[in-house]
Amino acid sequence: MGKKPIISLADIERAFAKESGQQFRPILSAADVATLLNLSIKTIYEWVAKGHFDGAFRKRGKHLLFWRDKLIDVLFNDPNWSTHEE
């Protein structure tokens, strides 16, 4: 049986239902993700290169596009997150 997620998809939807949902659209740029997570853009690109956000983004040309809710789900619930090198 799978481990219970730390944060559910319903929790994520509620978190973005009001004011923050207006600031953080469903599709985010790397700069938006950096702002959302209070990290530098460089850190976001490093984490992408290390595979931290696999399944939560697509590369289109030179741009990274992140699916906001999937990003939060991966960040909190992916069992491999803590096994990646920092």
PDB file of N, CA and C in Angstrom:
ATOM      1  N   MET A   1       0.847  -1.171   0.000  1.00  0.00           N
ATOM      2  CA  MET A   1       0.000   0.000   0.000  1.00  0.00           C
ATOM      3  C   MET A   1       0.891   1.232   0.000  1.00  0.00           C
ATOM      4  N   GLY A   2       0.508   2.286  -0.774  1.00  0.00           N
ATOM      5  CA  GLY A   2       1.303   3.502  -0.894  1.00  0.00           C
ATOM      6  C   GLY A   2       1.246   4.356   0.352  1.00  0.00           C
ATOM      7  N   LYS A   3       2.251   5.157   0.495  1.00  0.00           N
ATOM      8  CA  LYS A   3       2.340   6.083   1.603  1.00  0.00           C
ATOM      9  C   LYS A   3       1.343   7.220   1.404  1.00  0.00           C
ATOM     10  N   LYS A   4       0.718   7.662   2.482  1.00  0.00           N
ATOM     11  CA  LYS A   4      -0.243   8.762   2.407  1.00  0.00           C
ATOM     12  C   LYS A   4       0.495  10.045   2.026  1.00  0.00           C
ATOM     13  N   PRO A   5      -0.044  10.791   1.042  1.00  0.00           N
ATOM     14  CA  PRO A   5       0.627  12.034   0.642  1.00  0.00           C
ATOM     15  C   PRO A   5       0.646  13.055   1.771  1.00  0.00           C
ATOM     16  N   ILE A   6       1.690  13.851   1.805  1.00  0.00           N
ATOM     17  CA  ILE A   6       1.810  14.909   2.799  1.00  0.00           C
ATOM     18  C   ILE A   6       0.766  15.984   2.545  1.00  0.00           C
ATOM     19  N   ILE A   7       0.560  16.282   1.262  1.00  0.00           N
ATOM     20  CA  ILE A   7      -0.409  17.302   0.869  1.00  0.00           C
ATOM     21  C   ILE A   7      -1.252  16.733  -0.275  1.00  0.00           C
ATOM     22  N   SER A   8      -2.563  16.870  -0.150  1.00  0.00           N
ATOM     23  CA  SER A   8      -3.456  16.321  -1.178  1.00  0.00           C
ATOM     24  C   SER A   8      -3.687  17.342  -2.284  1.00  0.00           C
ATOM     25  N   LEU A   9      -4.209  16.862  -3.397  1.00  0.00           N
ATOM     26  CA  LEU A   9      -4.532  17.773  -4.496  1.00  0.00           C
ATOM     27  C   LEU A   9      -5.612  18.763  -4.073  1.00  0.00           C
ATOM     28  N   ALA A  10      -6.528  18.343  -3.210  1.00  0.00           N
ATOM     29  CA  ALA A  10      -7.554  19.256  -2.694  1.00  0.00           C
ATOM     30  C   ALA A  10      -6.907  20.358  -1.852  1.00  0.00           C
ATOM     31  N   ASP A  11      -5.886  20.009  -1.063  1.00  0.00           N
ATOM     32  CA  ASP A  11      -5.157  21.014  -0.278  1.00  0.00           C
ATOM     33  C   ASP A  11      -4.493  22.035  -1.197  1.00  0.00           C
ATOM     34  N   ILE A  12      -3.900  21.560  -2.268  1.00  0.00           N
ATOM     35  CA  ILE A  12      -3.228  22.451  -3.217  1.00  0.00           C
ATOM     36  C   ILE A  12      -4.247  23.382  -3.866  1.00  0.00           C
ATOM     37  N   GLU A  13      -5.371  22.848  -4.282  1.00  0.00           N
ATOM     38  CA  GLU A  13      -6.409  23.671  -4.897  1.00  0.00           C
ATOM     39  C   GLU A  13      -6.899  24.742  -3.928  1.00  0.00           C
ATOM     40  N   ARG A  14      -7.098  24.378  -2.659  1.00  0.00           N
ATOM     41  CA  ARG A  14      -7.545  25.358  -1.664  1.00  0.00           C
ATOM     42  C   ARG A  14      -6.496  26.451  -1.453  1.00  0.00           C
ATOM     43  N   ALA A  15      -5.229  26.082  -1.469  1.00  0.00           N
ATOM     44  CA  ALA A  15      -4.163  27.061  -1.243  1.00  0.00           C
ATOM     45  C   ALA A  15      -4.135  28.133  -2.322  1.00  0.00           C
ATOM     46  N   PHE A  16      -4.539  27.780  -3.531  1.00  0.00           N
ATOM     47  CA  PHE A  16      -4.488  28.717  -4.639  1.00  0.00           C
ATOM     48  C   PHE A  16      -5.864  29.229  -5.055  1.00  0.00           C
ATOM     49  N   ALA A  17      -6.868  28.968  -4.244  1.00  0.00           N
ATOM     50  CA  ALA A  17      -8.235  29.349  -4.597  1.00  0.00           C
ATOM     51  C   ALA A  17      -8.496  30.843  -4.470  1.00  0.00           C
ATOM     52  N   LYS A  18      -7.751  31.532  -3.626  1.00  0.00           N
ATOM     53  CA  LYS A  18      -8.048  32.956  -3.382  1.00  0.00           C
ATOM     54  C   LYS A  18      -6.966  33.840  -3.957  1.00  0.00           C
ATOM     55  N   GLU A  19      -6.409  34.720  -3.154  1.00  0.00           N
ATOM     56  CA  GLU A  19      -5.470  35.726  -3.619  1.00  0.00           C
ATOM     57  C   GLU A  19      -4.241  35.142  -4.302  1.00  0.00           C
ATOM     58  N   SER A  20      -3.634  34.125  -3.719  1.00  0.00           N
ATOM     59  CA  SER A  20      -2.412  33.580  -4.309  1.00  0.00           C
ATOM     60  C   SER A  20      -2.690  32.920  -5.657  1.00  0.00           C
ATOM     61  N   GLY A  21      -3.904  32.472  -5.869  1.00  0.00           N
ATOM     62  CA  GLY A  21      -4.270  31.899  -7.161  1.00  0.00           C
ATOM     63  C   GLY A  21      -4.247  32.930  -8.271  1.00  0.00           C
ATOM     64  N   GLN A  22      -4.490  34.195  -7.917  1.00  0.00           N
ATOM     65  CA  GLN A  22      -4.428  35.259  -8.909  1.00  0.00           C
ATOM     66  C   GLN A  22      -2.982  35.592  -9.254  1.00  0.00           C
ATOM     67  N   GLN A  23      -2.100  35.532  -8.259  1.00  0.00           N
ATOM     68  CA  GLN A  23      -0.692  35.829  -8.504  1.00  0.00           C
ATOM     69  C   GLN A  23       0.000  34.676  -9.213  1.00  0.00           C
ATOM     70  N   PHE A  24      -0.339  33.455  -8.832  1.00  0.00           N
ATOM     71  CA  PHE A  24       0.328  32.279  -9.378  1.00  0.00           C
ATOM     72  C   PHE A  24      -0.645  31.487 -10.241  1.00  0.00           C
ATOM     73  N   ARG A  25      -0.604  31.784 -11.539  1.00  0.00           N
ATOM     74  CA  ARG A  25      -1.471  31.101 -12.509  1.00  0.00           C
ATOM     75  C   ARG A  25      -1.145  29.600 -12.543  1.00  0.00           C
ATOM     76  N   PRO A  26      -1.993  28.799 -13.190  1.00  0.00           N
ATOM     77  CA  PRO A  26      -1.735  27.349 -13.255  1.00  0.00           C
ATOM     78  C   PRO A  26      -0.448  26.968 -13.975  1.00  0.00           C
ATOM     79  N   ILE A  27      -0.030  27.769 -14.953  1.00  0.00           N
ATOM     80  CA  ILE A  27       1.224  27.509 -15.668  1.00  0.00           C
ATOM     81  C   ILE A  27       2.209  28.606 -15.267  1.00  0.00           C
ATOM     82  N   LEU A  28       3.388  28.205 -14.786  1.00  0.00           N
ATOM     83  CA  LEU A  28       4.365  29.143 -14.238  1.00  0.00           C
ATOM     84  C   LEU A  28       5.676  29.112 -15.006  1.00  0.00           C
ATOM     85  N   SER A  29       6.330  30.245 -15.060  1.00  0.00           N
ATOM     86  CA  SER A  29       7.690  30.323 -15.586  1.00  0.00           C
ATOM     87  C   SER A  29       8.667  29.973 -14.453  1.00  0.00           C
ATOM     88  N   ALA A  30       9.932  29.830 -14.790  1.00  0.00           N
ATOM     89  CA  ALA A  30      10.947  29.559 -13.759  1.00  0.00           C
ATOM     90  C   ALA A  30      10.997  30.715 -12.761  1.00  0.00           C
ATOM     91  N   ALA A  31      10.846  31.947 -13.236  1.00  0.00           N
ATOM     92  CA  ALA A  31      10.842  33.112 -12.342  1.00  0.00           C
ATOM     93  C   ALA A  31       9.646  33.067 -11.389  1.00  0.00           C
ATOM     94  N   ASP A  32       8.477  32.657 -11.899  1.00  0.00           N
ATOM     95  CA  ASP A  32       7.291  32.521 -11.050  1.00  0.00           C
ATOM     96  C   ASP A  32       7.516  31.462  -9.973  1.00  0.00           C
ATOM     97  N   VAL A  33       8.122  30.346 -10.360  1.00  0.00           N
ATOM     98  CA  VAL A  33       8.395  29.265  -9.401  1.00  0.00           C
ATOM     99  C   VAL A  33       9.362  29.747  -8.324  1.00  0.00           C
ATOM    100  N   ALA A  34      10.389  30.488  -8.736  1.00  0.00           N
ATOM    101  CA  ALA A  34      11.353  31.028  -7.770  1.00  0.00           C
ATOM    102  C   ALA A  34      10.638  31.935  -6.766  1.00  0.00           C
ATOM    103  N   THR A  35       9.742  32.779  -7.253  1.00  0.00           N
ATOM    104  CA  THR A  35       8.978  33.652  -6.367  1.00  0.00           C
ATOM    105  C   THR A  35       8.079  32.844  -5.447  1.00  0.00           C
ATOM    106  N   LEU A  36       7.366  31.884  -5.997  1.00  0.00           N
ATOM    107  CA  LEU A  36       6.458  31.047  -5.213  1.00  0.00           C
ATOM    108  C   LEU A  36       7.189  30.321  -4.088  1.00  0.00           C
ATOM    109  N   LEU A  37       8.360  29.777  -4.393  1.00  0.00           N
ATOM    110  CA  LEU A  37       9.110  28.986  -3.413  1.00  0.00           C
ATOM    111  C   LEU A  37      10.118  29.816  -2.627  1.00  0.00           C
ATOM    112  N   ASN A  38      10.199  31.104  -2.916  1.00  0.00           N
ATOM    113  CA  ASN A  38      11.134  32.004  -2.253  1.00  0.00           C
ATOM    114  C   ASN A  38      12.582  31.524  -2.412  1.00  0.00           C
ATOM    115  N   LEU A  39      12.915  31.171  -3.646  1.00  0.00           N
ATOM    116  CA  LEU A  39      14.256  30.701  -4.000  1.00  0.00           C
ATOM    117  C   LEU A  39      14.770  31.519  -5.173  1.00  0.00           C
ATOM    118  N   SER A  40      16.046  31.375  -5.474  1.00  0.00           N
ATOM    119  CA  SER A  40      16.592  32.064  -6.646  1.00  0.00           C
ATOM    120  C   SER A  40      16.244  31.269  -7.905  1.00  0.00           C
ATOM    121  N   ILE A  41      16.247  31.970  -9.034  1.00  0.00           N
ATOM    122  CA  ILE A  41      16.008  31.291 -10.311  1.00  0.00           C
ATOM    123  C   ILE A  41      17.123  30.275 -10.556  1.00  0.00           C
ATOM    124  N   LYS A  42      18.335  30.608 -10.165  1.00  0.00           N
ATOM    125  CA  LYS A  42      19.463  29.684 -10.319  1.00  0.00           C
ATOM    126  C   LYS A  42      19.183  28.368  -9.595  1.00  0.00           C
ATOM    127  N   THR A  43      18.626  28.446  -8.393  1.00  0.00           N
ATOM    128  CA  THR A  43      18.291  27.227  -7.648  1.00  0.00           C
ATOM    129  C   THR A  43      17.236  26.404  -8.387  1.00  0.00           C
ATOM    130  N   ILE A  44      16.248  27.066  -8.959  1.00  0.00           N
ATOM    131  CA  ILE A  44      15.208  26.349  -9.713  1.00  0.00           C
ATOM    132  C   ILE A  44      15.841  25.592 -10.877  1.00  0.00           C
ATOM    133  N   TYR A  45      16.709  26.253 -11.646  1.00  0.00           N
ATOM    134  CA  TYR A  45      17.369  25.576 -12.767  1.00  0.00           C
ATOM    135  C   TYR A  45      18.278  24.437 -12.287  1.00  0.00           C
ATOM    136  N   GLU A  46      18.954  24.613 -11.162  1.00  0.00           N
ATOM    137  CA  GLU A  46      19.795  23.543 -10.612  1.00  0.00           C
ATOM    138  C   GLU A  46      18.942  22.346 -10.215  1.00  0.00           C
ATOM    139  N   TRP A  47      17.817  22.604  -9.560  1.00  0.00           N
ATOM    140  CA  TRP A  47      16.939  21.511  -9.142  1.00  0.00           C
ATOM    141  C   TRP A  47      16.343  20.790 -10.345  1.00  0.00           C
ATOM    142  N   VAL A  48      16.013  21.525 -11.388  1.00  0.00           N
ATOM    143  CA  VAL A  48      15.518  20.890 -12.614  1.00  0.00           C
ATOM    144  C   VAL A  48      16.603  19.975 -13.182  1.00  0.00           C
ATOM    145  N   ALA A  49      17.839  20.471 -13.242  1.00  0.00           N
ATOM    146  CA  ALA A  49      18.952  19.675 -13.769  1.00  0.00           C
ATOM    147  C   ALA A  49      19.188  18.413 -12.934  1.00  0.00           C
ATOM    148  N   LYS A  50      18.922  18.482 -11.644  1.00  0.00           N
ATOM    149  CA  LYS A  50      19.104  17.322 -10.761  1.00  0.00           C
ATOM    150  C   LYS A  50      17.896  16.380 -10.777  1.00  0.00           C
ATOM    151  N   GLY A  51      16.830  16.767 -11.475  1.00  0.00           N
ATOM    152  CA  GLY A  51      15.659  15.902 -11.590  1.00  0.00           C
ATOM    153  C   GLY A  51      14.618  16.087 -10.508  1.00  0.00           C
ATOM    154  N   HIS A  52      14.758  17.126  -9.707  1.00  0.00           N
ATOM    155  CA  HIS A  52      13.810  17.345  -8.612  1.00  0.00           C
ATOM    156  C   HIS A  52      12.370  17.560  -9.067  1.00  0.00           C
ATOM    157  N   PHE A  53      12.171  18.188 -10.209  1.00  0.00           N
ATOM    158  CA  PHE A  53      10.821  18.528 -10.651  1.00  0.00           C
ATOM    159  C   PHE A  53      10.359  17.704 -11.843  1.00  0.00           C
ATOM    160  N   ASP A  54      10.963  16.535 -12.039  1.00  0.00           N
ATOM    161  CA  ASP A  54      10.557  15.688 -13.160  1.00  0.00           C
ATOM    162  C   ASP A  54       9.055  15.432 -13.113  1.00  0.00           C
ATOM    163  N   GLY A  55       8.424  15.597 -14.250  1.00  0.00           N
ATOM    164  CA  GLY A  55       6.988  15.389 -14.358  1.00  0.00           C
ATOM    165  C   GLY A  55       6.162  16.625 -14.066  1.00  0.00           C
ATOM    166  N   ALA A  56       6.815  17.711 -13.621  1.00  0.00           N
ATOM    167  CA  ALA A  56       6.079  18.925 -13.273  1.00  0.00           C
ATOM    168  C   ALA A  56       6.360  20.077 -14.236  1.00  0.00           C
ATOM    169  N   PHE A  57       7.186  19.853 -15.247  1.00  0.00           N
ATOM    170  CA  PHE A  57       7.518  20.929 -16.178  1.00  0.00           C
ATOM    171  C   PHE A  57       7.725  20.377 -17.578  1.00  0.00           C
ATOM    172  N   ARG A  58       7.702  21.297 -18.529  1.00  0.00           N
ATOM    173  CA  ARG A  58       8.031  21.000 -19.920  1.00  0.00           C
ATOM    174  C   ARG A  58       8.968  22.095 -20.405  1.00  0.00           C
ATOM    175  N   LYS A  59       9.895  21.705 -21.240  1.00  0.00           N
ATOM    176  CA  LYS A  59      10.780  22.684 -21.845  1.00  0.00           C
ATOM    177  C   LYS A  59      10.236  22.999 -23.225  1.00  0.00           C
ATOM    178  N   ARG A  60      10.047  24.283 -23.487  1.00  0.00           N
ATOM    179  CA  ARG A  60       9.579  24.749 -24.786  1.00  0.00           C
ATOM    180  C   ARG A  60      10.595  25.769 -25.272  1.00  0.00           C
ATOM    181  N   GLY A  61      11.429  25.345 -26.207  1.00  0.00           N
ATOM    182  CA  GLY A  61      12.528  26.197 -26.637  1.00  0.00           C
ATOM    183  C   GLY A  61      13.487  26.371 -25.476  1.00  0.00           C
ATOM    184  N   LYS A  62      13.797  27.607 -25.157  1.00  0.00           N
ATOM    185  CA  LYS A  62      14.689  27.855 -24.023  1.00  0.00           C
ATOM    186  C   LYS A  62      13.917  28.099 -22.729  1.00  0.00           C
ATOM    187  N   HIS A  63      12.599  27.961 -22.778  1.00  0.00           N
ATOM    188  CA  HIS A  63      11.755  28.258 -21.621  1.00  0.00           C
ATOM    189  C   HIS A  63      11.316  26.981 -20.903  1.00  0.00           C
ATOM    190  N   LEU A  64      11.250  27.077 -19.573  1.00  0.00           N
ATOM    191  CA  LEU A  64      10.665  26.020 -18.764  1.00  0.00           C
ATOM    192  C   LEU A  64       9.280  26.474 -18.336  1.00  0.00           C
ATOM    193  N   LEU A  65       8.295  25.626 -18.530  1.00  0.00           N
ATOM    194  CA  LEU A  65       6.932  25.907 -18.110  1.00  0.00           C
ATOM    195  C   LEU A  65       6.530  24.867 -17.076  1.00  0.00           C
ATOM    196  N   PHE A  66       6.099  25.316 -15.915  1.00  0.00           N
ATOM    197  CA  PHE A  66       5.758  24.445 -14.802  1.00  0.00           C
ATOM    198  C   PHE A  66       4.252  24.422 -14.589  1.00  0.00           C
ATOM    199  N   TRP A  67       3.727  23.237 -14.336  1.00  0.00           N
ATOM    200  CA  TRP A  67       2.335  23.083 -13.957  1.00  0.00           C
ATOM    201  C   TRP A  67       2.302  23.273 -12.440  1.00  0.00           C
ATOM    202  N   ARG A  68       1.745  24.391 -11.984  1.00  0.00           N
ATOM    203  CA  ARG A  68       1.791  24.797 -10.576  1.00  0.00           C
ATOM    204  C   ARG A  68       1.381  23.696  -9.603  1.00  0.00           C
ATOM    205  N   ASP A  69       0.210  23.107  -9.794  1.00  0.00           N
ATOM    206  CA  ASP A  69      -0.288  22.125  -8.844  1.00  0.00           C
ATOM    207  C   ASP A  69       0.570  20.857  -8.836  1.00  0.00           C
ATOM    208  N   LYS A  70       1.041  20.438 -10.007  1.00  0.00           N
ATOM    209  CA  LYS A  70       1.921  19.259 -10.087  1.00  0.00           C
ATOM    210  C   LYS A  70       3.254  19.552  -9.408  1.00  0.00           C
ATOM    211  N   LEU A  71       3.760  20.772  -9.586  1.00  0.00           N
ATOM    212  CA  LEU A  71       5.005  21.175  -8.944  1.00  0.00           C
ATOM    213  C   LEU A  71       4.900  21.039  -7.425  1.00  0.00           C
ATOM    214  N   ILE A  72       3.836  21.552  -6.845  1.00  0.00           N
ATOM    215  CA  ILE A  72       3.640  21.471  -5.394  1.00  0.00           C
ATOM    216  C   ILE A  72       3.478  20.017  -4.965  1.00  0.00           C
ATOM    217  N   ASP A  73       2.739  19.238  -5.755  1.00  0.00           N
ATOM    218  CA  ASP A  73       2.561  17.818  -5.453  1.00  0.00           C
ATOM    219  C   ASP A  73       3.906  17.097  -5.436  1.00  0.00           C
ATOM    220  N   VAL A  74       4.737  17.327  -6.441  1.00  0.00           N
ATOM    221  CA  VAL A  74       6.060  16.692  -6.516  1.00  0.00           C
ATOM    222  C   VAL A  74       6.932  17.156  -5.353  1.00  0.00           C
ATOM    223  N   LEU A  75       6.905  18.440  -5.070  1.00  0.00           N
ATOM    224  CA  LEU A  75       7.730  19.006  -4.010  1.00  0.00           C
ATOM    225  C   LEU A  75       7.428  18.377  -2.651  1.00  0.00           C
ATOM    226  N   PHE A  76       6.148  18.180  -2.357  1.00  0.00           N
ATOM    227  CA  PHE A  76       5.768  17.662  -1.049  1.00  0.00           C
ATOM    228  C   PHE A  76       5.608  16.149  -0.987  1.00  0.00           C
ATOM    229  N   ASN A  77       5.247  15.506  -2.096  1.00  0.00           N
ATOM    230  CA  ASN A  77       4.846  14.105  -2.022  1.00  0.00           C
ATOM    231  C   ASN A  77       5.758  13.109  -2.718  1.00  0.00           C
ATOM    232  N   ASP A  78       6.671  13.553  -3.563  1.00  0.00           N
ATOM    233  CA  ASP A  78       7.529  12.615  -4.281  1.00  0.00           C
ATOM    234  C   ASP A  78       8.481  11.939  -3.297  1.00  0.00           C
ATOM    235  N   PRO A  79       8.421  10.615  -3.186  1.00  0.00           N
ATOM    236  CA  PRO A  79       9.290   9.918  -2.229  1.00  0.00           C
ATOM    237  C   PRO A  79      10.770  10.028  -2.569  1.00  0.00           C
ATOM    238  N   ASN A  80      11.097  10.351  -3.812  1.00  0.00           N
ATOM    239  CA  ASN A  80      12.498  10.472  -4.211  1.00  0.00           C
ATOM    240  C   ASN A  80      13.082  11.837  -3.906  1.00  0.00           C
ATOM    241  N   TRP A  81      12.248  12.795  -3.515  1.00  0.00           N
ATOM    242  CA  TRP A  81      12.725  14.160  -3.282  1.00  0.00           C
ATOM    243  C   TRP A  81      13.862  14.185  -2.263  1.00  0.00           C
ATOM    244  N   SER A  82      13.723  13.472  -1.166  1.00  0.00           N
ATOM    245  CA  SER A  82      14.741  13.510  -0.110  1.00  0.00           C
ATOM    246  C   SER A  82      15.977  12.694  -0.458  1.00  0.00           C
ATOM    247  N   THR A  83      15.917  11.885  -1.529  1.00  0.00           N
ATOM    248  CA  THR A  83      17.080  11.071  -1.888  1.00  0.00           C
ATOM    249  C   THR A  83      17.990  11.772  -2.884  1.00  0.00           C
ATOM    250  N   HIS A  84      17.534  12.904  -3.453  1.00  0.00           N
ATOM    251  CA  HIS A  84      18.373  13.648  -4.388  1.00  0.00           C
ATOM    252  C   HIS A  84      19.493  14.337  -3.615  1.00  0.00           C
ATOM    253  N   GLU A  85      20.635  14.452  -4.273  1.00  0.00           N
ATOM    254  CA  GLU A  85      21.742  15.169  -3.666  1.00  0.00           C
ATOM    255  C   GLU A  85      21.410  16.636  -3.598  1.00  0.00           C
ATOM    256  N   GLU A  86      21.799  17.288  -2.540  1.00  0.00           N
ATOM    257  CA  GLU A  86      21.573  18.737  -2.375  1.00  0.00           C
ATOM    258  C   GLU A  86      22.766  19.492  -2.822  1.00  0.00           C
TER     259      GLU A  86
END
